[in-house]
PDB file of N, CA and C in Angstrom:
ATOM      1  N   MET A   1       1.761-310.163  87.072  1.00  0.00           N
ATOM      2  CA  MET A   1       0.486-309.613  87.232  1.00  0.00           C
ATOM      3  C   MET A   1       1.285-308.201  87.850  1.00  0.00           C
ATOM      4  N   SER A   2       0.514-307.079  88.242  1.00  0.00           N
ATOM      5  CA  SER A   2       1.017-306.387  88.307  1.00  0.00           C
ATOM      6  C   SER A   2      -0.276-305.390  89.263  1.00  0.00           C
ATOM      7  N   THR A   3       0.349-304.747  90.685  1.00  0.00           N
ATOM      8  CA  THR A   3      -0.148-303.551  91.039  1.00  0.00           C
ATOM      9  C   THR A   3       0.453-302.498  90.846  1.00  0.00           C
ATOM     10  N   ASP A   4       0.784-302.014  90.475  1.00  0.00           N
ATOM     11  CA  ASP A   4       0.915-300.424  89.694  1.00  0.00           C
ATOM     12  C   ASP A   4       0.055-300.057  89.529  1.00  0.00           C
ATOM     13  N   TYR A   5      -0.718-300.142  89.002  1.00  0.00           N
ATOM     14  CA  TYR A   5      -2.488-299.261  88.394  1.00  0.00           C
ATOM     15  C   TYR A   5      -3.609-299.763  88.841  1.00  0.00           C
ATOM     16  N   GLN A   6      -4.481-298.826  88.951  1.00  0.00           N
ATOM     17  CA  GLN A   6      -5.842-298.995  89.895  1.00  0.00           C
ATOM     18  C   GLN A   6      -6.737-298.195  88.620  1.00  0.00           C
ATOM     19  N   ILE A   7      -8.596-298.551  88.443  1.00  0.00           N
ATOM     20  CA  ILE A   7      -8.414-298.067  88.361  1.00  0.00           C
ATOM     21  C   ILE A   7     -10.100-297.131  89.865  1.00  0.00           C
ATOM     22  N   VAL A   8     -10.006-296.101  89.585  1.00  0.00           N
ATOM     23  CA  VAL A   8     -10.464-295.457  90.460  1.00  0.00           C
ATOM     24  C   VAL A   8     -11.863-295.445  89.753  1.00  0.00           C
ATOM     25  N   PHE A   9     -13.068-295.753  90.472  1.00  0.00           N
ATOM     26  CA  PHE A   9     -14.496-295.052  90.643  1.00  0.00           C
ATOM     27  C   PHE A   9     -14.943-293.924  90.817  1.00  0.00           C
ATOM     28  N   CYS A  10     -15.798-292.940  90.365  1.00  0.00           N
ATOM     29  CA  CYS A  10     -16.349-291.551  90.376  1.00  0.00           C
ATOM     30  C   CYS A  10     -17.607-291.578  90.223  1.00  0.00           C
ATOM     31  N   THR A  11     -19.078-291.199  90.932  1.00  0.00           N
ATOM     32  CA  THR A  11     -19.656-290.471  90.830  1.00  0.00           C
ATOM     33  C   THR A  11     -19.862-289.480  90.449  1.00  0.00           C
ATOM     34  N   CYS A  12     -21.109-289.190  89.311  1.00  0.00           N
ATOM     35  CA  CYS A  12     -21.090-286.973  89.373  1.00  0.00           C
ATOM     36  C   CYS A  12     -23.042-286.971  89.093  1.00  0.00           C
ATOM     37  N   PRO A  13     -23.190-286.007  89.020  1.00  0.00           N
ATOM     38  CA  PRO A  13     -24.555-285.726  88.887  1.00  0.00           C
ATOM     39  C   PRO A  13     -25.125-285.600  87.754  1.00  0.00           C
ATOM     40  N   ASP A  14     -24.228-285.216  87.050  1.00  0.00           N
ATOM     41  CA  ASP A  14     -24.208-284.732  85.880  1.00  0.00           C
ATOM     42  C   ASP A  14     -22.982-285.225  84.902  1.00  0.00           C
ATOM     43  N   LYS A  15     -23.108-285.089  83.072  1.00  0.00           N
ATOM     44  CA  LYS A  15     -22.043-284.794  81.961  1.00  0.00           C
ATOM     45  C   LYS A  15     -21.399-283.473  82.521  1.00  0.00           C
ATOM     46  N   ASP A  16     -21.922-282.492  82.697  1.00  0.00           N
ATOM     47  CA  ASP A  16     -20.763-281.604  82.671  1.00  0.00           C
ATOM     48  C   ASP A  16     -19.908-281.330  83.838  1.00  0.00           C
ATOM     49  N   ILE A  17     -20.186-281.950  84.805  1.00  0.00           N
ATOM     50  CA  ILE A  17     -19.076-282.126  85.486  1.00  0.00           C
ATOM     51  C   ILE A  17     -17.833-283.101  86.192  1.00  0.00           C
ATOM     52  N   ALA A  18     -18.767-284.727  85.037  1.00  0.00           N
ATOM     53  CA  ALA A  18     -17.886-285.276  84.497  1.00  0.00           C
ATOM     54  C   ALA A  18     -17.125-284.833  83.620  1.00  0.00           C
ATOM     55  N   GLU A  19     -17.600-284.594  83.132  1.00  0.00           N
ATOM     56  CA  GLU A  19     -16.333-284.148  81.839  1.00  0.00           C
ATOM     57  C   GLU A  19     -15.624-283.326  82.186  1.00  0.00           C
ATOM     58  N   LYS A  20     -15.005-282.022  83.041  1.00  0.00           N
ATOM     59  CA  LYS A  20     -14.451-281.064  83.606  1.00  0.00           C
ATOM     60  C   LYS A  20     -13.644-281.980  84.531  1.00  0.00           C
ATOM     61  N   ILE A  21     -14.390-283.330  84.791  1.00  0.00           N
ATOM     62  CA  ILE A  21     -13.231-283.675  86.692  1.00  0.00           C
ATOM     63  C   ILE A  21     -12.241-284.370  85.058  1.00  0.00           C
ATOM     64  N   ALA A  22     -13.105-284.786  84.106  1.00  0.00           N
ATOM     65  CA  ALA A  22     -12.239-286.083  83.778  1.00  0.00           C
ATOM     66  C   ALA A  22     -11.143-285.092  83.227  1.00  0.00           C
ATOM     67  N   SER A  23     -11.081-284.494  82.264  1.00  0.00           N
ATOM     68  CA  SER A  23     -10.217-283.134  81.721  1.00  0.00           C
ATOM     69  C   SER A  23      -9.082-282.868  82.910  1.00  0.00           C
ATOM     70  N   LEU A  24      -9.631-282.237  83.520  1.00  0.00           N
ATOM     71  CA  LEU A  24      -8.649-282.506  84.786  1.00  0.00           C
ATOM     72  C   LEU A  24      -7.424-283.067  85.011  1.00  0.00           C
ATOM     73  N   LEU A  25      -8.277-284.445  85.455  1.00  0.00           N
ATOM     74  CA  LEU A  25      -7.126-285.199  85.420  1.00  0.00           C
ATOM     75  C   LEU A  25      -6.491-286.234  84.552  1.00  0.00           C
ATOM     76  N   VAL A  26      -7.103-285.662  83.352  1.00  0.00           N
ATOM     77  CA  VAL A  26      -5.960-285.884  82.461  1.00  0.00           C
ATOM     78  C   VAL A  26      -4.844-285.520  82.315  1.00  0.00           C
ATOM     79  N   GLU A  27      -5.098-283.694  82.317  1.00  0.00           N
ATOM     80  CA  GLU A  27      -4.634-282.905  81.813  1.00  0.00           C
ATOM     81  C   GLU A  27      -3.142-282.595  83.019  1.00  0.00           C
ATOM     82  N   ASN A  28      -3.682-283.271  84.337  1.00  0.00           N
ATOM     83  CA  ASN A  28      -2.637-282.915  85.567  1.00  0.00           C
ATOM     84  C   ASN A  28      -1.996-283.785  85.263  1.00  0.00           C
ATOM     85  N   LYS A  29      -2.188-284.683  84.307  1.00  0.00           N
ATOM     86  CA  LYS A  29      -1.298-286.805  84.691  1.00  0.00           C
ATOM     87  C   LYS A  29      -1.076-287.089  85.905  1.00  0.00           C
ATOM     88  N   VAL A  30      -2.455-287.180  86.083  1.00  0.00           N
ATOM     89  CA  VAL A  30      -2.857-287.644  87.269  1.00  0.00           C
ATOM     90  C   VAL A  30      -3.733-289.196  86.890  1.00  0.00           C
ATOM     91  N   ALA A  31      -3.846-288.689  85.859  1.00  0.00           N
ATOM     92  CA  ALA A  31      -4.660-290.161  84.721  1.00  0.00           C
ATOM     93  C   ALA A  31      -4.416-290.463  84.039  1.00  0.00           C
ATOM     94  N   ALA A  32      -4.420-291.480  83.164  1.00  0.00           N
ATOM     95  CA  ALA A  32      -3.974-291.306  81.364  1.00  0.00           C
ATOM     96  C   ALA A  32      -5.403-291.664  80.772  1.00  0.00           C
ATOM     97  N   CYS A  33      -6.730-291.891  81.352  1.00  0.00           N
ATOM     98  CA  CYS A  33      -7.167-292.395  80.854  1.00  0.00           C
ATOM     99  C   CYS A  33      -8.416-292.278  81.988  1.00  0.00           C
ATOM    100  N   VAL A  34      -9.632-291.507  80.642  1.00  0.00           N
ATOM    101  CA  VAL A  34     -10.814-291.858  82.340  1.00  0.00           C
ATOM    102  C   VAL A  34     -11.881-292.050  81.203  1.00  0.00           C
ATOM    103  N   ASN A  35     -13.296-293.012  81.617  1.00  0.00           N
ATOM    104  CA  ASN A  35     -13.716-292.603  80.434  1.00  0.00           C
ATOM    105  C   ASN A  35     -15.348-292.695  81.651  1.00  0.00           C
ATOM    106  N   ILE A  36     -16.089-292.417  80.903  1.00  0.00           N
ATOM    107  CA  ILE A  36     -17.900-291.386  81.148  1.00  0.00           C
ATOM    108  C   ILE A  36     -18.314-292.393  81.025  1.00  0.00           C
ATOM    109  N   VAL A  37     -19.364-293.555  81.444  1.00  0.00           N
ATOM    110  CA  VAL A  37     -20.262-293.646  81.582  1.00  0.00           C
ATOM    111  C   VAL A  37     -21.682-293.026  81.868  1.00  0.00           C
ATOM    112  N   PRO A  38     -22.379-292.470  80.663  1.00  0.00           N
ATOM    113  CA  PRO A  38     -23.198-292.305  81.226  1.00  0.00           C
ATOM    114  C   PRO A  38     -24.737-292.929  81.605  1.00  0.00           C
ATOM    115  N   ASN A  39     -25.900-292.632  82.388  1.00  0.00           N
ATOM    116  CA  ASN A  39     -27.089-292.936  82.413  1.00  0.00           C
ATOM    117  C   ASN A  39     -27.031-293.896  83.981  1.00  0.00           C
ATOM    118  N   ILE A  40     -26.162-294.056  85.070  1.00  0.00           N
ATOM    119  CA  ILE A  40     -26.288-295.091  85.444  1.00  0.00           C
ATOM    120  C   ILE A  40     -27.586-294.731  86.496  1.00  0.00           C
ATOM    121  N   THR A  41     -28.017-295.064  87.328  1.00  0.00           N
ATOM    122  CA  THR A  41     -29.349-295.132  88.580  1.00  0.00           C
ATOM    123  C   THR A  41     -28.013-295.618  89.493  1.00  0.00           C
ATOM    124  N   SER A  42     -28.493-294.771  90.818  1.00  0.00           N
ATOM    125  CA  SER A  42     -27.792-294.730  91.570  1.00  0.00           C
ATOM    126  C   SER A  42     -29.229-294.580  92.932  1.00  0.00           C
ATOM    127  N   ILE A  43     -28.879-295.862  93.673  1.00  0.00           N
ATOM    128  CA  ILE A  43     -29.743-296.437  95.208  1.00  0.00           C
ATOM    129  C   ILE A  43     -28.772-296.379  96.244  1.00  0.00           C
ATOM    130  N   TYR A  44     -29.149-296.041  97.090  1.00  0.00           N
ATOM    131  CA  TYR A  44     -28.797-295.172  98.622  1.00  0.00           C
ATOM    132  C   TYR A  44     -28.591-294.508  99.617  1.00  0.00           C
ATOM    133  N   ARG A  45     -28.128-294.591 100.501  1.00  0.00           N
ATOM    134  CA  ARG A  45     -28.960-294.665 101.725  1.00  0.00           C
ATOM    135  C   ARG A  45     -27.935-292.943 102.326  1.00  0.00           C
ATOM    136  N   TRP A  46     -28.893-291.985 102.707  1.00  0.00           N
ATOM    137  CA  TRP A  46     -27.936-290.799 102.713  1.00  0.00           C
ATOM    138  C   TRP A  46     -29.267-289.813 103.985  1.00  0.00           C
ATOM    139  N   GLN A  47     -27.799-289.675 105.170  1.00  0.00           N
ATOM    140  CA  GLN A  47     -28.398-289.420 106.289  1.00  0.00           C
ATOM    141  C   GLN A  47     -30.172-290.680 106.785  1.00  0.00           C
ATOM    142  N   GLY A  48     -29.737-291.595 106.396  1.00  0.00           N
ATOM    143  CA  GLY A  48     -30.656-291.936 106.786  1.00  0.00           C
ATOM    144  C   GLY A  48     -32.261-291.916 105.822  1.00  0.00           C
ATOM    145  N   GLN A  49     -32.201-291.601 104.815  1.00  0.00           N
ATOM    146  CA  GLN A  49     -32.715-291.553 104.622  1.00  0.00           C
ATOM    147  C   GLN A  49     -33.385-292.520 103.049  1.00  0.00           C
ATOM    148  N   LEU A  50     -33.377-293.394 102.319  1.00  0.00           N
ATOM    149  CA  LEU A  50     -33.604-293.762 100.739  1.00  0.00           C
ATOM    150  C   LEU A  50     -33.333-292.220  99.935  1.00  0.00           C
ATOM    151  N   GLU A  51     -32.403-292.727  99.540  1.00  0.00           N
ATOM    152  CA  GLU A  51     -32.310-292.189  98.094  1.00  0.00           C
ATOM    153  C   GLU A  51     -31.656-292.666  96.904  1.00  0.00           C
ATOM    154  N   ARG A  52     -32.682-292.032  95.330  1.00  0.00           N
ATOM    155  CA  ARG A  52     -32.120-292.624  94.142  1.00  0.00           C
ATOM    156  C   ARG A  52     -31.635-291.313  93.568  1.00  0.00           C
ATOM    157  N   ALA A  53     -30.479-291.683  92.966  1.00  0.00           N
ATOM    158  CA  ALA A  53     -30.808-290.305  92.065  1.00  0.00           C
ATOM    159  C   ALA A  53     -29.835-290.802  90.383  1.00  0.00           C
ATOM    160  N   GLU A  54     -30.319-290.190  89.122  1.00  0.00           N
ATOM    161  CA  GLU A  54     -29.564-289.871  88.582  1.00  0.00           C
ATOM    162  C   GLU A  54     -28.150-289.837  88.146  1.00  0.00           C
ATOM    163  N   GLU A  55     -26.829-290.591  87.529  1.00  0.00           N
ATOM    164  CA  GLU A  55     -25.573-290.181  87.609  1.00  0.00           C
ATOM    165  C   GLU A  55     -24.907-290.447  86.484  1.00  0.00           C
ATOM    166  N   VAL A  56     -23.472-290.016  86.762  1.00  0.00           N
ATOM    167  CA  VAL A  56     -22.927-290.684  85.496  1.00  0.00           C
ATOM    168  C   VAL A  56     -21.496-291.083  85.638  1.00  0.00           C
ATOM    169  N   LEU A  57     -20.950-292.328  85.322  1.00  0.00           N
ATOM    170  CA  LEU A  57     -19.911-293.158  86.205  1.00  0.00           C
ATOM    171  C   LEU A  57     -18.360-292.426  85.691  1.00  0.00           C
ATOM    172  N   LEU A  58     -17.426-292.203  86.549  1.00  0.00           N
ATOM    173  CA  LEU A  58     -15.895-291.801  85.561  1.00  0.00           C
ATOM    174  C   LEU A  58     -14.679-293.568  86.182  1.00  0.00           C
ATOM    175  N   LEU A  59     -14.429-293.928  85.056  1.00  0.00           N
ATOM    176  CA  LEU A  59     -13.597-294.866  84.988  1.00  0.00           C
ATOM    177  C   LEU A  59     -12.493-294.322  85.077  1.00  0.00           C
ATOM    178  N   ILE A  60     -11.734-294.536  86.105  1.00  0.00           N
ATOM    179  CA  ILE A  60      -9.968-293.392  86.146  1.00  0.00           C
ATOM    180  C   ILE A  60      -8.964-294.713  85.328  1.00  0.00           C
ATOM    181  N   LYS A  61      -8.178-294.575  84.937  1.00  0.00           N
ATOM    182  CA  LYS A  61      -7.306-295.692  84.998  1.00  0.00           C
ATOM    183  C   LYS A  61      -5.916-294.878  85.254  1.00  0.00           C
ATOM    184  N   ALA A  62      -5.181-295.069  86.451  1.00  0.00           N
ATOM    185  CA  ALA A  62      -4.308-294.300  86.414  1.00  0.00           C
ATOM    186  C   ALA A  62      -3.457-295.185  87.465  1.00  0.00           C
ATOM    187  N   ARG A  63      -2.106-294.541  87.457  1.00  0.00           N
ATOM    188  CA  ARG A  63      -0.650-295.186  88.994  1.00  0.00           C
ATOM    189  C   ARG A  63      -1.745-295.580  89.790  1.00  0.00           C
ATOM    190  N   GLN A  64      -0.849-296.378  90.744  1.00  0.00           N
ATOM    191  CA  GLN A  64      -1.106-296.001  91.949  1.00  0.00           C
ATOM    192  C   GLN A  64      -0.792-295.305  92.479  1.00  0.00           C
ATOM    193  N   ASP A  65       0.581-294.981  92.320  1.00  0.00           N
ATOM    194  CA  ASP A  65       1.765-293.946  92.976  1.00  0.00           C
ATOM    195  C   ASP A  65       0.706-291.912  92.809  1.00  0.00           C
ATOM    196  N   THR A  66      -0.189-291.972  91.778  1.00  0.00           N
ATOM    197  CA  THR A  66      -0.636-290.463  91.680  1.00  0.00           C
ATOM    198  C   THR A  66      -2.488-291.004  92.572  1.00  0.00           C
ATOM    199  N   TYR A  67      -2.163-292.021  93.615  1.00  0.00           N
ATOM    200  CA  TYR A  67      -4.247-291.442  93.700  1.00  0.00           C
ATOM    201  C   TYR A  67      -4.189-290.918  95.036  1.00  0.00           C
ATOM    202  N   SER A  68      -3.212-290.313  96.050  1.00  0.00           N
ATOM    203  CA  SER A  68      -4.151-289.010  96.438  1.00  0.00           C
ATOM    204  C   SER A  68      -3.815-287.702  95.975  1.00  0.00           C
ATOM    205  N   ALA A  69      -2.775-287.657  94.909  1.00  0.00           N
ATOM    206  CA  ALA A  69      -3.194-286.469  93.540  1.00  0.00           C
ATOM    207  C   ALA A  69      -4.626-286.069  93.509  1.00  0.00           C
ATOM    208  N   LEU A  70      -4.352-287.721  93.070  1.00  0.00           N
ATOM    209  CA  LEU A  70      -6.169-287.978  92.250  1.00  0.00           C
ATOM    210  C   LEU A  70      -7.269-287.319  92.896  1.00  0.00           C
ATOM    211  N   GLU A  71      -6.779-288.110  93.972  1.00  0.00           N
ATOM    212  CA  GLU A  71      -8.040-287.958  94.752  1.00  0.00           C
ATOM    213  C   GLU A  71      -8.601-286.056  95.994  1.00  0.00           C
ATOM    214  N   SER A  72      -7.368-285.743  96.232  1.00  0.00           N
ATOM    215  CA  SER A  72      -7.531-284.519  95.616  1.00  0.00           C
ATOM    216  C   SER A  72      -7.821-283.101  95.236  1.00  0.00           C
ATOM    217  N   LEU A  73      -7.010-283.845  93.880  1.00  0.00           N
ATOM    218  CA  LEU A  73      -8.027-282.800  92.839  1.00  0.00           C
ATOM    219  C   LEU A  73      -9.690-283.260  92.444  1.00  0.00           C
ATOM    220  N   ILE A  74      -9.978-284.674  92.124  1.00  0.00           N
ATOM    221  CA  ILE A  74     -12.038-284.524  92.368  1.00  0.00           C
ATOM    222  C   ILE A  74     -11.974-284.238  93.573  1.00  0.00           C
ATOM    223  N   LYS A  75     -11.686-284.313  95.480  1.00  0.00           N
ATOM    224  CA  LYS A  75     -12.416-283.815  95.891  1.00  0.00           C
ATOM    225  C   LYS A  75     -12.428-282.133  95.785  1.00  0.00           C
ATOM    226  N   LYS A  76     -11.580-281.076  95.145  1.00  0.00           N
ATOM    227  CA  LYS A  76     -11.858-280.035  94.917  1.00  0.00           C
ATOM    228  C   LYS A  76     -12.668-279.450  94.295  1.00  0.00           C
ATOM    229  N   HIS A  77     -13.181-280.218  93.077  1.00  0.00           N
ATOM    230  CA  HIS A  77     -13.881-279.969  92.206  1.00  0.00           C
ATOM    231  C   HIS A  77     -14.753-280.805  91.708  1.00  0.00           C
ATOM    232  N   HIS A  78     -15.411-281.965  93.319  1.00  0.00           N
ATOM    233  CA  HIS A  78     -16.871-282.537  92.745  1.00  0.00           C
ATOM    234  C   HIS A  78     -17.601-281.947  93.564  1.00  0.00           C
ATOM    235  N   PRO A  79     -18.924-281.834  93.613  1.00  0.00           N
ATOM    236  CA  PRO A  79     -20.122-280.201  94.065  1.00  0.00           C
ATOM    237  C   PRO A  79     -20.871-281.508  95.502  1.00  0.00           C
ATOM    238  N   TYR A  80     -20.387-282.697  95.097  1.00  0.00           N
ATOM    239  CA  TYR A  80     -20.740-283.602  96.377  1.00  0.00           C
ATOM    240  C   TYR A  80     -20.275-283.352  98.114  1.00  0.00           C
ATOM    241  N   GLN A  81     -21.518-284.041  98.592  1.00  0.00           N
ATOM    242  CA  GLN A  81     -20.437-282.982 100.634  1.00  0.00           C
ATOM    243  C   GLN A  81     -19.314-284.611  99.934  1.00  0.00           C
ATOM    244  N   LEU A  82     -19.606-285.699 100.207  1.00  0.00           N
ATOM    245  CA  LEU A  82     -19.125-286.774  99.778  1.00  0.00           C
ATOM    246  C   LEU A  82     -18.938-287.987  98.315  1.00  0.00           C
ATOM    247  N   PRO A  83     -18.028-287.434  97.888  1.00  0.00           N
ATOM    248  CA  PRO A  83     -18.150-288.174  96.527  1.00  0.00           C
ATOM    249  C   PRO A  83     -17.596-289.341  96.714  1.00  0.00           C
ATOM    250  N   GLU A  84     -18.392-289.982  95.897  1.00  0.00           N
ATOM    251  CA  GLU A  84     -17.668-291.662  96.243  1.00  0.00           C
ATOM    252  C   GLU A  84     -15.941-291.464  95.513  1.00  0.00           C
ATOM    253  N   ILE A  85     -15.029-291.957  95.598  1.00  0.00           N
ATOM    254  CA  ILE A  85     -13.802-291.922  95.016  1.00  0.00           C
ATOM    255  C   ILE A  85     -12.962-293.629  95.532  1.00  0.00           C
ATOM    256  N   ILE A  86     -13.170-294.404  94.794  1.00  0.00           N
ATOM    257  CA  ILE A  86     -13.039-296.071  94.959  1.00  0.00           C
ATOM    258  C   ILE A  86     -12.383-296.563  94.662  1.00  0.00           C
ATOM    259  N   ALA A  87     -10.655-296.474  94.729  1.00  0.00           N
ATOM    260  CA  ALA A  87      -9.960-297.098  94.176  1.00  0.00           C
ATOM    261  C   ALA A  87      -9.263-298.885  93.913  1.00  0.00           C
ATOM    262  N   VAL A  88      -8.855-299.751  93.257  1.00  0.00           N
ATOM    263  CA  VAL A  88      -9.458-301.661  92.960  1.00  0.00           C
ATOM    264  C   VAL A  88      -8.238-301.420  92.133  1.00  0.00           C
ATOM    265  N   ALA A  89      -7.247-301.998  92.801  1.00  0.00           N
ATOM    266  CA  ALA A  89      -6.210-302.168  92.309  1.00  0.00           C
ATOM    267  C   ALA A  89      -6.216-303.140  90.675  1.00  0.00           C
ATOM    268  N   ILE A  90      -5.839-302.673  89.406  1.00  0.00           N
ATOM    269  CA  ILE A  90      -5.644-304.083  88.232  1.00  0.00           C
ATOM    270  C   ILE A  90      -4.350-304.647  88.267  1.00  0.00           C
ATOM    271  N   GLU A  91      -4.938-306.191  88.240  1.00  0.00           N
ATOM    272  CA  GLU A  91      -4.216-307.323  88.719  1.00  0.00           C
ATOM    273  C   GLU A  91      -3.608-307.439  87.813  1.00  0.00           C
ATOM    274  N   ARG A  92      -4.342-307.575  86.092  1.00  0.00           N
ATOM    275  CA  ARG A  92      -3.529-308.233  85.408  1.00  0.00           C
ATOM    276  C   ARG A  92      -3.787-307.124  83.973  1.00  0.00           C
ATOM    277  N   GLY A  93      -3.484-306.915  83.377  1.00  0.00           N
ATOM    278  CA  GLY A  93      -4.387-306.631  82.010  1.00  0.00           C
ATOM    279  C   GLY A  93      -3.055-306.321  80.915  1.00  0.00           C
ATOM    280  N   LEU A  94      -3.068-305.767  79.898  1.00  0.00           N
ATOM    281  CA  LEU A  94      -2.226-306.280  78.289  1.00  0.00           C
ATOM    282  C   LEU A  94      -1.356-305.506  78.859  1.00  0.00           C
ATOM    283  N   PRO A  95       0.476-305.985  78.460  1.00  0.00           N
ATOM    284  CA  PRO A  95       1.584-304.905  79.050  1.00  0.00           C
ATOM    285  C   PRO A  95       0.993-303.855  78.289  1.00  0.00           C
ATOM    286  N   ASP A  96       0.831-304.140  76.989  1.00  0.00           N
ATOM    287  CA  ASP A  96       0.835-302.622  76.043  1.00  0.00           C
ATOM    288  C   ASP A  96       0.623-302.055  77.175  1.00  0.00           C
ATOM    289  N   TYR A  97      -0.879-302.571  77.327  1.00  0.00           N
ATOM    290  CA  TYR A  97      -1.618-300.666  78.136  1.00  0.00           C
ATOM    291  C   TYR A  97      -1.454-300.346  78.543  1.00  0.00           C
ATOM    292  N   LEU A  98      -0.553-301.547  79.448  1.00  0.00           N
ATOM    293  CA  LEU A  98      -0.276-300.620  81.197  1.00  0.00           C
ATOM    294  C   LEU A  98       0.520-300.085  80.934  1.00  0.00           C
ATOM    295  N   ASN A  99       1.458-299.830  80.001  1.00  0.00           N
ATOM    296  CA  ASN A  99       2.491-300.110  79.683  1.00  0.00           C
ATOM    297  C   ASN A  99       1.771-298.184  79.514  1.00  0.00           C
ATOM    298  N   TRP A 100       1.334-297.807  78.512  1.00  0.00           N
ATOM    299  CA  TRP A 100       1.270-296.514  78.200  1.00  0.00           C
ATOM    300  C   TRP A 100       0.326-295.820  78.827  1.00  0.00           C
ATOM    301  N   ILE A 101      -1.021-296.734  80.257  1.00  0.00           N
ATOM    302  CA  ILE A 101      -0.553-295.711  81.026  1.00  0.00           C
ATOM    303  C   ILE A 101       0.280-295.331  81.632  1.00  0.00           C
ATOM    304  N   ALA A 102       1.319-296.336  82.655  1.00  0.00           N
ATOM    305  CA  ALA A 102       2.635-295.723  82.846  1.00  0.00           C
ATOM    306  C   ALA A 102       3.621-294.343  81.580  1.00  0.00           C
ATOM    307  N   SER A 103       3.000-294.238  80.815  1.00  0.00           N
ATOM    308  CA  SER A 103       3.782-293.131  80.060  1.00  0.00           C
ATOM    309  C   SER A 103       3.368-291.853  79.815  1.00  0.00           C
ATOM    310  N   CYS A 104       1.918-291.966  80.058  1.00  0.00           N
ATOM    311  CA  CYS A 104       0.838-290.636  80.617  1.00  0.00           C
ATOM    312  C   CYS A 104       1.137-289.513  81.895  1.00  0.00           C
ATOM    313  N   HIS A 105       1.821-290.628  83.144  1.00  0.00           N
ATOM    314  CA  HIS A 105       1.972-288.940  83.581  1.00  0.00           C
ATOM    315  C   HIS A 105       3.159-289.020  83.706  1.00  0.00           C
TER     316      HIS A 105
END
């Protein structure tokens, strides 16, 4: 079992912003890999109103010790007033893949 690694979820308003943030995370070595999942529909409550938005989801694989830098970079470049940034610990994974995540930082 390993808790040295995380997947961070982050929604973006469109593909261009998603690609920009994903590239910045990998280029700055705070993430090993970012999957961009297009065409998701989000339904949520914002400022008392029910909202619906078409978004793009980032699945960010990274070491847990990079979380602060990862969060700061996303907040700096994300257009949302309150971006979704949720980290979930990776409890298990293929050891070679987890080692690869570690080697990318």
